[in-house]
Amino acid sequence: MYVCIYIQRIVCYSKIARERHADIVGASPAFGGCGVSRRPRPPGDPKRLQARPAKSSRLKSSFEFFTSDMADPVESVTVEEGTEDKDRLDGDQKVEETKDNDAMEEHSESGSEASSSSGATTPSGPHGVVLKALRKLLRNYHFSLNQICCSSQKDLTLDDLEDKVEIFKTLQTSFLPSLKQQIGALLDSLDLSESAINPCPNPEPVTKILSELSATLHDTRYAVEELALEPPLPASSHDRHLKFLKRYRASRLLWKTKAVIQDDVCEIFQAVEGLLINLEHHQNPKPGESSQSEFHGSDIIDYLFNPVKCKQRINTTWAKIRIGIDGIIEWSNLSDFAVLQREWRSSTRKCNRMLEALGEIVNGTYWRKDGNRMSAEAASDPKKVEAHKARAIQLAQTGIPIVKLGRIFFDKLSKTCLHPLPFTMDTEMSSDELESLVKKLESFYASIDYMSGHLCVIYESDKDISRKINSLRNVSEGVISELEEALLALSFCLIPTSQTPTTDRRPASEQHFKTWFLEFKNQFILACTNLIDATDTCFGDQLEQE
C-alpha cells in the first residue's frame, strides 16, 4: 500500500512536469503563443535577491616536454530568438502569473494528497507535517526547465549587467554556502544512527529547517536562472569581455548548480521520506497489507523500505553535496583557461582507462560481459582462437603509443603546476569560440577512444574481421585529421606567457607553435601510420583470403 503511495507520487510529479511543459510550449511563439516566462517572477527590481549571510561560514622547447612520461607502464538550452513579449511584461502580468502558478501548486499538492489518501491516509501529526514539507520540496525542485525566451544582445557591457554581477556574488557568498549549511543542519536534526527506530524524534525543528531550505533553494535556483536565462542576455558571439557572465560560463554554472539540487539535494529528501514512510509502516500496519518482501527486485522499492539503505544513501549523498557545492564556488572563480583545463583532465583520466583495457588485452586478461564471441568455426578449434588473439595482441601493442601520446597531449595542456606552461589562453574569447575549441578537442579525444574500441572488438572476436580491419584503418586516418583540427583551433587561442592576455590578443606565432607542438604532431602521425601498417602485418593474409 505504501508502495502505491510512493509510485503514485512519482506519477504525480511526472504529470505536473508534463502539464507545465505543455503550458510553456503552448505559449511559445513557435506554437502561436506570445512568449512565456518559465517561472513566477515576483515584481520589483532584480536586486530583490538580497544576500543572506551563511551561518557557518615552459613548456620545455623540445619534445622532452611531451615525452616525459612515455616510459610509464600501460595503465540544451533551447534558444528562441526574436521574442520580446516576455521582456515587456508589466508588474500586473507578473503578479497574475505568480497567482496562477501558486494556484497550480495548490492544485497539484491537493491532487497528490488525494492520490495518497486513495491508498492510505497521509500520517497525521508532526511526522505528517514533515512528510508534507518533503513532498512539496520534491515537487518544486526535482525538475525544472532551462528555456530562454528573450533576444540576446550584442553590445552589452559589465556595467549593463550590474544586477547580474551582484546576483553572481550573492550566489557565491550566501546562497550556496547557506544551502550546504542548512542541509547539514537538517541531517543533524535527525537521528540517523544505525540503531535508531525513529529517525525524526523532534519534528518541529525539522519542519523549520525544511522551510528555510525551501527559501534557499528558491533563491539559489532563481539566481542561476537569472544569470543564464534572463534578460539582458549577451550574444554568445559578442561576450568576450564579460568574464564570468559569458554565456559559456553562465550556462555551465546553471547546469552544475541544478545538478546538485535536482540529483543530490532531492536525493536526501527522498531518503528521509523513505525513513518516515518505513516508520509509519511499522508503527501503524494495515490489516491485510502486502509484505514488502513481495516488492524486492526493484531498486526504488528496496531503497524506500530499507532504513539501512536510506541512511547509507543519505551519508553518501551528503558527501557529494559538500564536494559539489564547494566545487561550484571554486569553479566559478576560475579563468576560462582553467575551466577548460578541468575538462581536459577528464580526457586524461579516460585515456588511462583505455590504456588499462589495452594492457589487459596484451596480458590476455581482457574480458567484457557483453563482448562478441568467436565464430563457430574458430570456437571449435582452440588453435584458431589462440592464433587470432596473438594477432590482435600484436595489433593492440601497436595502438598503445597512440593512446599514450593522446594522454600526454591532454595532460600537458591541463597541468597547472610542476612544469609551467610556456603558453596561456586568450582571456577575451567569446562563448562561441570557447565552445568551438572544446568541441575540436572533444572530437580528437573521441577519435582516440573509437580507435581503442576497435582494438578491443577485434580482440574479442574474429567475426567480420575484414570489415573491422578496414574500419580501423579509416578510424586511424581520421585520428590524424582530428589532431590537425585540434591543433589548428589551439593555434588561434594560445598565446605565449610573455604576452599579457588582456592587452595582447595576437595568437601565437608560427615559430612558437612549432616549438610547442610540431614534434608531438610528427610523433603522433608516425604512431598512427604504424598502426595502419600493422593491420597488414597482423591480418593481411586473412583479408586476402576473404
Protein backbone atom coordinates (compact mmCIF):
# COMPACT_ATOMS: atom_id res chain seq x y z
CA MET A 1 0.00 0.00 0.00
CA TYR A 2 2.82 2.38 0.85
CA VAL A 3 4.43 1.25 -2.38
CA CYS A 4 1.36 2.53 -4.19
CA ILE A 5 1.63 5.87 -2.40
CA TYR A 6 5.24 6.25 -3.49
CA ILE A 7 4.61 5.26 -7.11
CA GLN A 8 1.52 7.48 -7.29
CA ARG A 9 3.59 10.39 -6.06
CA ILE A 10 6.21 9.76 -8.77
CA VAL A 11 3.45 9.64 -11.39
CA CYS A 12 2.05 12.85 -9.96
CA TYR A 13 5.44 14.56 -10.31
CA SER A 14 5.68 13.43 -13.94
CA LYS A 15 2.16 14.63 -14.66
CA ILE A 16 2.87 18.05 -13.16
CA ALA A 17 6.07 18.35 -15.19
CA ARG A 18 4.22 17.44 -18.39
CA GLU A 19 1.47 19.95 -17.65
CA ARG A 20 3.97 22.72 -17.04
CA HIS A 21 5.88 21.81 -20.18
CA ALA A 22 2.66 21.81 -22.19
CA ASP A 23 1.78 25.23 -20.83
CA ILE A 24 5.17 26.57 -21.88
CA VAL A 25 5.09 25.01 -25.35
CA GLY A 26 1.56 26.20 -25.93
CA ALA A 27 2.53 29.74 -25.06
CA SER A 28 5.78 29.86 -27.02
CA PRO A 29 5.99 31.87 -30.26
CA ALA A 30 6.80 28.77 -32.28
CA PHE A 31 3.33 27.46 -31.43
CA GLY A 32 1.41 30.66 -31.90
CA GLY A 33 1.78 31.93 -28.35
CA CYS A 34 3.02 35.25 -27.18
CA GLY A 35 6.16 34.32 -25.26
CA VAL A 36 6.43 32.86 -21.81
CA SER A 37 8.16 33.18 -18.53
CA ARG A 38 9.49 29.92 -17.18
CA ARG A 39 8.53 30.54 -13.60
CA PRO A 40 6.81 33.09 -11.39
CA ARG A 41 8.91 36.21 -11.14
CA PRO A 42 7.98 38.49 -8.28
CA PRO A 43 7.60 42.11 -9.35
CA GLY A 44 10.30 44.57 -8.49
CA ASP A 45 13.92 45.33 -9.11
CA PRO A 46 16.27 42.41 -9.89
CA LYS A 47 18.16 43.44 -6.79
CA ARG A 48 15.39 41.70 -4.86
CA LEU A 49 17.87 38.84 -4.45
CA GLN A 50 19.47 40.06 -1.26
CA ALA A 51 22.35 38.31 0.42
CA ARG A 52 21.58 36.21 3.44
CA PRO A 53 24.77 35.52 5.40
CA ALA A 54 25.69 31.89 5.78
CA LYS A 55 25.51 30.61 9.25
CA SER A 56 28.89 28.86 9.09
CA SER A 57 30.74 30.10 7.19
CA ARG A 58 57.90 26.18 -20.17
CA LEU A 59 56.75 24.18 -21.75
CA LYS A 60 60.23 22.87 -22.48
CA SER A 61 61.07 23.96 -26.00
CA SER A 62 61.80 20.39 -27.02
CA PHE A 63 59.87 17.16 -27.44
CA GLU A 64 61.01 16.21 -23.94
CA PHE A 65 58.02 18.12 -22.57
CA PHE A 66 55.60 15.82 -24.38
CA THR A 67 57.52 12.57 -23.88
CA SER A 68 58.43 12.90 -20.22
CA ASP A 69 56.09 10.03 -19.29
CA MET A 70 56.35 7.85 -22.40
CA ALA A 71 58.21 5.28 -20.32
CA ASP A 72 55.24 4.96 -17.96
CA PRO A 73 53.72 1.49 -17.75
CA VAL A 74 50.48 0.92 -19.58
CA GLU A 75 47.93 1.71 -17.43
CA SER A 76 20.08 22.31 -24.44
CA VAL A 77 19.41 25.12 -23.70
CA THR A 78 16.69 25.84 -26.19
CA VAL A 79 17.18 29.36 -27.55
CA GLU A 80 14.22 31.13 -29.02
CA GLU A 81 15.33 34.36 -30.69
CA GLY A 82 13.17 37.28 -31.67
CA THR A 83 10.69 37.14 -28.78
CA GLU A 84 10.44 40.36 -26.82
CA ASP A 85 6.96 39.94 -25.35
CA LYS A 86 8.42 38.49 -22.18
CA ASP A 87 10.69 41.48 -21.76
CA ARG A 88 7.65 43.79 -21.89
CA LEU A 89 5.62 42.03 -19.20
CA ASP A 90 4.48 44.66 -16.73
CA GLY A 91 4.12 44.25 -13.00
CA ASP A 92 0.44 43.31 -13.15
CA GLN A 93 1.13 40.48 -15.56
CA LYS A 94 3.86 39.14 -13.29
CA VAL A 95 1.53 39.24 -10.30
CA GLU A 96 -1.15 37.36 -12.23
CA GLU A 97 1.39 34.79 -13.36
CA THR A 98 2.56 34.30 -9.79
CA LYS A 99 -1.04 33.75 -8.68
CA ASP A 100 -1.62 31.23 -11.48
CA ASN A 101 1.48 29.28 -10.50
CA ASP A 102 0.50 29.34 -6.84
CA ALA A 103 -2.91 28.02 -7.80
CA MET A 104 -1.31 25.27 -9.88
CA GLU A 105 0.93 24.31 -6.96
CA GLU A 106 -2.02 24.17 -4.58
CA HIS A 107 -3.95 22.07 -7.07
CA SER A 108 -1.07 19.66 -7.60
CA GLU A 109 -0.50 19.43 -3.86
CA SER A 110 -4.14 18.63 -3.17
CA GLY A 111 -4.08 16.14 -6.03
CA SER A 112 -1.09 14.45 -4.50
CA GLU A 113 -2.80 14.30 -1.14
CA ALA A 114 -5.91 12.86 -2.78
CA SER A 115 -3.94 10.20 -4.60
CA SER A 116 -2.22 9.27 -1.36
CA SER A 117 -5.48 9.12 0.56
CA SER A 118 -6.90 6.79 -2.06
CA GLY A 119 -4.49 4.14 -0.87
CA ALA A 120 -3.84 5.29 2.69
CA THR A 121 -4.10 8.49 4.62
CA THR A 122 -1.03 10.62 5.00
CA PRO A 123 0.31 10.22 8.55
CA SER A 124 -1.23 12.79 10.84
CA GLY A 125 0.58 14.80 13.44
CA PRO A 126 4.14 16.16 13.37
CA HIS A 127 5.54 13.42 11.13
CA GLY A 128 2.78 14.10 8.64
CA VAL A 129 3.81 17.77 8.54
CA VAL A 130 7.42 16.79 7.83
CA LEU A 131 6.35 14.39 5.08
CA LYS A 132 4.16 17.04 3.51
CA ALA A 133 7.05 19.53 3.53
CA LEU A 134 9.42 16.98 1.98
CA ARG A 135 6.96 16.13 -0.78
CA LYS A 136 6.40 19.78 -1.57
CA LEU A 137 10.16 20.31 -1.87
CA LEU A 138 10.43 17.31 -4.16
CA ARG A 139 7.61 18.57 -6.36
CA ASN A 140 9.19 22.01 -6.62
CA TYR A 141 12.85 21.14 -7.05
CA HIS A 142 13.30 17.68 -8.53
CA PHE A 143 12.80 19.06 -12.07
CA SER A 144 12.91 22.37 -13.91
CA LEU A 145 13.12 23.62 -17.48
CA ASN A 146 16.00 25.63 -18.89
CA GLN A 147 14.37 27.76 -21.56
CA ILE A 148 15.44 31.11 -22.94
CA CYS A 149 12.57 33.26 -24.13
CA CYS A 150 14.30 36.55 -24.86
CA SER A 151 16.52 38.07 -27.52
CA SER A 152 20.27 38.20 -26.98
CA GLN A 153 22.13 41.49 -27.26
CA LYS A 154 25.49 42.11 -28.93
CA ASP A 155 26.60 45.31 -27.23
CA LEU A 156 26.28 44.54 -23.52
CA THR A 157 28.98 45.59 -21.07
CA LEU A 158 29.62 44.60 -17.48
CA ASP A 159 28.08 47.92 -16.46
CA ASP A 160 24.87 46.88 -18.23
CA LEU A 161 24.93 43.66 -16.22
CA GLU A 162 25.48 45.27 -12.83
CA ASP A 163 22.49 43.49 -11.30
CA LYS A 164 23.73 40.12 -12.53
CA VAL A 165 27.18 40.81 -11.12
CA GLU A 166 25.58 41.31 -7.70
CA ILE A 167 23.49 38.16 -8.08
CA PHE A 168 26.63 36.21 -9.00
CA LYS A 169 28.45 37.44 -5.89
CA THR A 170 25.44 36.67 -3.69
CA LEU A 171 25.21 33.17 -5.12
CA GLN A 172 28.87 32.56 -4.28
CA THR A 173 28.94 34.09 -0.83
CA SER A 174 25.45 33.46 0.54
CA PHE A 175 23.06 31.14 -1.29
CA LEU A 176 25.39 28.21 -1.96
CA PRO A 177 27.09 28.28 1.47
CA SER A 178 23.67 28.60 3.13
CA LEU A 179 22.38 25.63 1.17
CA LYS A 180 25.25 23.46 2.37
CA GLN A 181 24.86 24.68 5.95
CA GLN A 182 21.11 24.04 6.02
CA ILE A 183 21.39 20.53 4.57
CA GLY A 184 23.90 19.79 7.31
CA ALA A 185 21.54 21.23 9.91
CA LEU A 186 18.70 19.07 8.57
CA LEU A 187 20.74 15.90 8.94
CA ASP A 188 21.95 16.94 12.40
CA SER A 189 18.32 17.33 13.47
CA LEU A 190 17.58 13.71 12.52
CA ASP A 191 18.62 10.56 14.32
CA LEU A 192 20.46 8.61 11.65
CA SER A 193 22.29 6.24 13.98
CA GLU A 194 22.23 2.61 12.97
CA SER A 195 20.06 1.54 15.89
CA ALA A 196 17.57 4.42 15.67
CA ILE A 197 13.98 3.38 15.06
CA ASN A 198 12.51 6.87 14.86
CA PRO A 199 14.67 8.99 12.52
CA CYS A 200 12.75 12.16 13.39
CA PRO A 201 12.25 12.33 17.15
CA ASN A 202 11.83 16.14 17.07
CA PRO A 203 9.68 17.02 14.05
CA GLU A 204 9.24 20.70 14.88
CA PRO A 205 12.86 21.84 14.27
CA VAL A 206 13.00 19.60 11.18
CA THR A 207 9.95 21.35 9.75
CA LYS A 208 11.52 24.74 10.46
CA ILE A 209 14.76 23.77 8.71
CA LEU A 210 12.82 22.47 5.71
CA SER A 211 11.06 25.83 5.48
CA GLU A 212 14.43 27.61 5.46
CA LEU A 213 15.71 25.17 2.87
CA SER A 214 12.74 25.89 0.65
CA ALA A 215 13.60 29.60 0.63
CA THR A 216 17.29 28.96 0.00
CA LEU A 217 16.59 26.50 -2.81
CA HIS A 218 14.27 29.04 -4.41
CA ASP A 219 16.88 31.80 -4.18
CA THR A 220 19.68 29.56 -5.47
CA ARG A 221 17.78 28.26 -8.46
CA TYR A 222 16.36 31.67 -9.21
CA ALA A 223 19.88 33.18 -9.13
CA VAL A 224 21.42 30.76 -11.65
CA GLU A 225 18.39 31.04 -13.93
CA GLU A 226 18.60 34.83 -13.74
CA LEU A 227 22.27 34.68 -14.75
CA ALA A 228 21.91 32.17 -17.59
CA LEU A 229 18.39 32.57 -18.96
CA GLU A 230 17.00 36.01 -18.21
CA PRO A 231 17.47 39.36 -19.97
CA PRO A 232 19.67 41.21 -20.51
CA LEU A 233 21.31 38.21 -22.20
CA PRO A 234 24.58 38.65 -24.14
CA ALA A 235 25.03 37.17 -27.59
CA SER A 236 27.39 34.20 -27.40
CA SER A 237 29.40 35.65 -30.29
CA HIS A 238 29.87 39.04 -28.61
CA ASP A 239 30.53 38.32 -24.93
CA ARG A 240 34.33 38.05 -24.95
CA HIS A 241 34.73 40.86 -22.38
CA LEU A 242 32.05 39.70 -19.92
CA LYS A 243 34.27 37.40 -17.84
CA PHE A 244 32.19 35.10 -15.59
CA LEU A 245 28.95 36.27 -17.25
CA LYS A 246 29.85 34.83 -20.64
CA ARG A 247 27.12 32.54 -21.92
CA TYR A 248 29.58 29.62 -21.84
CA ARG A 249 30.27 30.19 -18.15
CA ALA A 250 26.74 31.09 -17.04
CA SER A 251 25.14 28.05 -18.69
CA ARG A 252 27.59 25.67 -17.04
CA LEU A 253 27.05 27.34 -13.69
CA LEU A 254 23.33 26.74 -14.18
CA TRP A 255 23.81 23.06 -15.05
CA LYS A 256 26.22 22.37 -12.20
CA THR A 257 24.01 24.06 -9.61
CA LYS A 258 20.81 22.40 -10.78
CA ALA A 259 22.55 19.02 -10.81
CA VAL A 260 23.34 19.39 -7.12
CA ILE A 261 19.76 20.46 -6.34
CA GLN A 262 17.86 18.01 -8.53
CA ASP A 263 20.13 14.97 -8.21
CA ASP A 264 21.66 15.26 -4.76
CA VAL A 265 19.57 17.52 -2.52
CA CYS A 266 16.35 15.87 -3.71
CA GLU A 267 18.02 12.51 -3.13
CA ILE A 268 18.39 13.48 0.53
CA PHE A 269 14.71 14.46 0.68
CA GLN A 270 13.64 11.14 -0.86
CA ALA A 271 15.78 9.14 1.56
CA VAL A 272 14.40 10.98 4.60
CA GLU A 273 10.89 10.48 3.25
CA GLY A 274 11.65 6.78 2.87
CA LEU A 275 12.69 6.57 6.51
CA LEU A 276 9.46 8.24 7.66
CA ILE A 277 7.28 6.04 5.44
CA ASN A 278 9.05 2.98 6.80
CA LEU A 279 8.48 4.22 10.36
CA GLU A 280 4.76 4.73 9.71
CA HIS A 281 4.56 1.33 8.03
CA HIS A 282 5.84 -0.39 11.18
CA GLN A 283 4.02 1.76 13.72
CA ASN A 284 0.62 1.56 12.04
CA PRO A 285 0.45 -1.62 9.94
CA LYS A 286 -2.75 -2.02 7.96
CA PRO A 287 -4.72 -5.29 8.10
CA GLY A 288 -4.11 -7.37 5.01
CA GLU A 289 -1.28 -5.13 3.84
CA SER A 290 1.13 -6.79 1.40
CA SER A 291 4.53 -7.68 2.72
CA GLN A 292 7.31 -5.50 1.44
CA SER A 293 9.23 -8.66 0.51
CA GLU A 294 6.89 -9.02 -2.45
CA PHE A 295 8.39 -5.89 -3.94
CA HIS A 296 12.06 -6.81 -3.76
CA GLY A 297 13.84 -6.65 -7.10
CA SER A 298 13.00 -3.02 -7.72
CA ASP A 299 15.77 -0.59 -6.74
CA ILE A 300 13.19 2.08 -5.92
CA ILE A 301 11.13 -0.16 -3.65
CA ASP A 302 14.13 -1.74 -1.90
CA TYR A 303 15.59 1.69 -1.29
CA LEU A 304 12.27 3.04 0.02
CA PHE A 305 11.62 0.26 2.54
CA ASN A 306 15.16 -0.38 3.74
CA PRO A 307 16.16 2.02 6.53
CA VAL A 308 19.80 0.92 6.34
CA LYS A 309 19.95 1.72 2.63
CA CYS A 310 18.21 5.03 3.22
CA LYS A 311 20.78 6.04 5.83
CA GLN A 312 23.66 4.89 3.63
CA ARG A 313 22.21 6.88 0.75
CA ILE A 314 21.93 9.96 2.95
CA ASN A 315 25.57 9.78 4.11
CA THR A 316 26.91 9.18 0.60
CA THR A 317 24.80 11.92 -0.93
CA TRP A 318 25.66 14.42 1.80
CA ALA A 319 29.35 13.94 0.99
CA LYS A 320 28.56 14.56 -2.70
CA ILE A 321 26.66 17.74 -1.84
CA ARG A 322 29.52 19.18 0.21
CA ILE A 323 32.04 18.43 -2.53
CA GLY A 324 29.65 19.64 -5.22
CA ILE A 325 28.83 23.00 -3.64
CA ASP A 326 32.46 23.72 -2.75
CA GLY A 327 33.42 22.72 -6.29
CA ILE A 328 30.87 25.09 -7.84
CA ILE A 329 32.13 28.03 -5.80
CA GLU A 330 35.75 27.22 -6.70
CA TRP A 331 34.90 26.63 -10.38
CA SER A 332 33.06 29.95 -10.66
CA ASN A 333 36.27 31.79 -9.73
CA LEU A 334 38.46 30.06 -12.33
CA SER A 335 39.76 31.67 -15.51
CA ASP A 336 38.45 30.45 -18.86
CA PHE A 337 41.70 28.54 -19.42
CA ALA A 338 41.46 26.88 -16.01
CA VAL A 339 37.84 25.90 -16.71
CA LEU A 340 38.90 24.18 -19.94
CA GLN A 341 41.85 22.56 -18.21
CA ARG A 342 39.40 20.94 -15.78
CA GLU A 343 37.56 19.41 -18.73
CA TRP A 344 40.78 18.25 -20.39
CA ARG A 345 41.86 16.47 -17.21
CA SER A 346 38.86 14.19 -17.60
CA SER A 347 40.18 13.24 -21.05
CA THR A 348 43.49 12.32 -19.41
CA ARG A 349 41.70 10.04 -16.96
CA LYS A 350 39.72 8.42 -19.76
CA CYS A 351 42.93 7.78 -21.71
CA ASN A 352 44.25 6.00 -18.62
CA ARG A 353 41.23 3.69 -18.70
CA MET A 354 41.85 2.99 -22.39
CA LEU A 355 45.43 2.05 -21.59
CA GLU A 356 44.23 -0.27 -18.85
CA ALA A 357 41.95 -2.08 -21.32
CA LEU A 358 44.68 -2.38 -23.94
CA GLY A 359 47.08 -3.57 -21.24
CA GLU A 360 44.61 -6.31 -20.33
CA ILE A 361 44.50 -7.38 -23.97
CA VAL A 362 48.29 -7.60 -24.07
CA ASN A 363 48.29 -9.59 -20.80
CA GLY A 364 45.50 -11.86 -22.01
CA THR A 365 43.16 -10.88 -19.18
CA TYR A 366 40.70 -8.69 -21.10
CA TRP A 367 37.08 -9.74 -20.81
CA ARG A 368 33.80 -7.98 -21.33
CA LYS A 369 30.48 -9.50 -20.29
CA ASP A 370 28.60 -8.42 -23.40
CA GLY A 371 31.56 -8.75 -25.76
CA ASN A 372 31.34 -10.55 -29.09
CA ARG A 373 32.31 -14.18 -29.17
CA MET A 374 34.42 -16.12 -31.62
CA SER A 375 32.84 -17.52 -34.75
CA ALA A 376 31.58 -21.09 -34.53
CA GLU A 377 34.45 -22.29 -36.72
CA ALA A 378 37.12 -20.66 -34.57
CA ALA A 379 35.44 -21.64 -31.31
CA SER A 380 35.62 -25.29 -32.29
CA ASP A 381 39.36 -25.03 -32.88
CA PRO A 382 41.35 -23.70 -29.89
CA LYS A 383 44.41 -23.19 -32.09
CA LYS A 384 42.49 -20.75 -34.29
CA VAL A 385 41.32 -18.89 -31.21
CA GLU A 386 44.87 -18.55 -29.91
CA ALA A 387 46.16 -17.53 -33.34
CA HIS A 388 43.54 -14.81 -33.64
CA LYS A 389 44.26 -13.48 -30.16
CA ALA A 390 48.00 -13.41 -30.87
CA ARG A 391 47.38 -11.26 -33.95
CA ALA A 392 45.01 -8.98 -32.03
CA ILE A 393 47.52 -8.59 -29.19
CA GLN A 394 50.23 -7.55 -31.63
CA LEU A 395 47.83 -5.03 -33.15
CA ALA A 396 46.86 -3.67 -29.72
CA GLN A 397 50.52 -3.23 -28.79
CA THR A 398 50.94 -1.05 -31.87
CA GLY A 399 47.94 1.05 -30.86
CA ILE A 400 49.14 1.76 -27.31
CA PRO A 401 51.56 4.58 -28.30
CA ILE A 402 48.65 6.49 -29.88
CA VAL A 403 46.68 6.44 -26.64
CA LYS A 404 49.75 7.34 -24.59
CA LEU A 405 50.50 10.29 -26.85
CA GLY A 406 46.88 11.38 -26.55
CA ARG A 407 47.11 11.19 -22.78
CA ILE A 408 50.34 13.21 -22.80
CA PHE A 409 48.69 15.84 -25.02
CA PHE A 410 45.74 16.40 -22.68
CA ASP A 411 47.87 16.05 -19.56
CA LYS A 412 50.34 18.71 -20.64
CA LEU A 413 47.57 21.08 -21.74
CA SER A 414 45.79 20.77 -18.41
CA LYS A 415 48.69 20.86 -15.97
CA THR A 416 48.94 23.98 -13.86
CA CYS A 417 51.99 23.10 -11.77
CA LEU A 418 55.26 21.15 -11.92
CA HIS A 419 56.36 22.44 -15.32
CA PRO A 420 54.94 25.90 -16.06
CA LEU A 421 53.32 26.06 -19.47
CA PRO A 422 55.05 28.36 -22.00
CA PHE A 423 51.63 29.44 -23.18
CA THR A 424 48.33 30.57 -21.80
CA MET A 425 44.95 31.24 -23.38
CA ASP A 426 43.45 34.45 -24.62
CA THR A 427 41.16 35.67 -21.84
CA GLU A 428 38.85 37.51 -24.22
CA MET A 429 37.42 34.63 -26.17
CA SER A 430 33.70 34.64 -26.85
CA SER A 431 31.44 31.79 -25.79
CA ASP A 432 31.20 30.63 -29.40
CA GLU A 433 34.99 30.48 -29.64
CA LEU A 434 35.23 28.57 -26.36
CA GLU A 435 32.56 26.11 -27.46
CA SER A 436 34.32 25.58 -30.79
CA LEU A 437 37.65 24.89 -29.10
CA VAL A 438 36.07 22.45 -26.66
CA LYS A 439 34.32 20.57 -29.46
CA LYS A 440 37.53 20.28 -31.51
CA LEU A 441 39.43 18.75 -28.62
CA GLU A 442 36.50 16.54 -27.67
CA SER A 443 36.44 15.21 -31.25
CA PHE A 444 40.15 14.46 -31.05
CA TYR A 445 39.68 12.54 -27.81
CA ALA A 446 36.63 10.70 -29.20
CA SER A 447 38.60 9.55 -32.24
CA ILE A 448 41.27 8.02 -29.98
CA ASP A 449 38.55 6.33 -27.94
CA TYR A 450 36.94 4.99 -31.12
CA MET A 451 40.27 3.58 -32.29
CA SER A 452 40.84 1.92 -28.91
CA GLY A 453 37.34 0.42 -29.04
CA HIS A 454 38.11 -1.10 -32.44
CA LEU A 455 41.18 -2.84 -31.00
CA CYS A 456 39.08 -4.32 -28.18
CA VAL A 457 36.37 -5.56 -30.55
CA ILE A 458 38.94 -7.14 -32.85
CA TYR A 459 40.46 -8.99 -29.90
CA GLU A 460 37.07 -10.28 -28.74
CA SER A 461 36.01 -11.95 -31.96
CA ASP A 462 37.18 -12.94 -35.42
CA LYS A 463 33.72 -12.33 -36.88
CA ASP A 464 33.64 -9.89 -39.83
CA ILE A 465 37.36 -9.38 -39.43
CA SER A 466 37.76 -7.82 -42.88
CA ARG A 467 35.16 -5.16 -42.13
CA LYS A 468 36.65 -4.46 -38.71
CA ILE A 469 40.19 -4.05 -40.04
CA ASN A 470 39.10 -1.74 -42.85
CA SER A 471 37.13 0.32 -40.34
CA LEU A 472 40.17 0.51 -38.04
CA ARG A 473 42.28 1.83 -40.93
CA ASN A 474 39.74 4.55 -41.65
CA VAL A 475 39.49 5.45 -37.98
CA SER A 476 43.28 5.67 -37.64
CA GLU A 477 43.44 8.06 -40.58
CA GLY A 478 40.61 10.04 -39.00
CA VAL A 479 42.55 10.40 -35.74
CA ILE A 480 45.27 12.24 -37.65
CA SER A 481 42.69 14.59 -39.17
CA GLU A 482 41.13 15.26 -35.76
CA LEU A 483 44.55 16.09 -34.29
CA GLU A 484 45.20 18.59 -37.08
CA GLU A 485 41.81 20.21 -36.45
CA ALA A 486 42.52 20.42 -32.71
CA LEU A 487 45.96 21.95 -33.23
CA LEU A 488 44.56 24.47 -35.69
CA ALA A 489 41.94 25.54 -33.13
CA LEU A 490 44.59 25.87 -30.44
CA SER A 491 46.79 27.98 -32.70
CA PHE A 492 44.14 30.73 -32.65
CA CYS A 493 43.65 30.61 -28.88
CA LEU A 494 47.04 30.16 -27.26
CA ILE A 495 49.46 32.98 -26.63
CA PRO A 496 52.96 32.91 -25.09
CA THR A 497 53.03 33.57 -21.37
CA SER A 498 55.34 36.50 -22.09
CA GLN A 499 52.33 38.32 -23.56
CA THR A 500 49.61 39.91 -21.48
CA PRO A 501 46.35 38.13 -22.38
CA THR A 502 44.12 41.12 -21.69
CA THR A 503 46.09 43.58 -23.84
CA ASP A 504 47.88 41.49 -26.47
CA ARG A 505 45.41 39.18 -28.20
CA ARG A 506 47.67 38.15 -31.06
CA PRO A 507 47.74 34.35 -31.44
CA ALA A 508 50.99 32.51 -31.03
CA SER A 509 53.43 32.93 -33.89
CA GLU A 510 54.08 30.03 -36.23
CA GLN A 511 57.52 29.56 -34.69
CA HIS A 512 56.08 29.43 -31.18
CA PHE A 513 53.50 26.87 -32.20
CA LYS A 514 56.09 24.70 -33.97
CA THR A 515 58.19 24.74 -30.82
CA TRP A 516 55.25 23.61 -28.74
CA PHE A 517 53.54 21.05 -30.96
CA LEU A 518 55.36 20.19 -34.21
CA GLU A 519 57.48 17.33 -32.87
CA PHE A 520 54.49 15.96 -30.98
CA LYS A 521 52.40 16.06 -34.15
CA ASN A 522 55.10 14.20 -36.09
CA GLN A 523 55.34 11.50 -33.43
CA PHE A 524 51.57 11.10 -33.32
CA ILE A 525 51.27 10.76 -37.09
CA LEU A 526 54.08 8.18 -37.03
CA ALA A 527 52.25 6.16 -34.36
CA CYS A 528 49.02 6.17 -36.41
CA THR A 529 50.90 5.18 -39.56
CA ASN A 530 52.50 2.28 -37.69
CA LEU A 531 49.06 1.05 -36.61
CA ILE A 532 47.73 1.21 -40.17
CA ASP A 533 50.77 -0.76 -41.37
CA ALA A 534 50.26 -3.29 -38.56
CA THR A 535 46.80 -4.15 -39.87
CA ASP A 536 48.53 -5.61 -42.93
CA THR A 537 51.22 -7.31 -40.88
CA CYS A 538 48.76 -8.93 -38.47
CA PHE A 539 45.68 -9.60 -40.60
CA GLY A 540 46.72 -9.02 -44.23
CA ASP A 541 46.66 -12.72 -45.13
CA GLN A 542 43.13 -13.11 -43.78
CA LEU A 543 41.94 -10.11 -45.75
CA GLU A 544 43.31 -11.61 -48.95
CA GLN A 545 41.53 -14.89 -48.23
CA GLU A 546 38.22 -13.09 -47.86
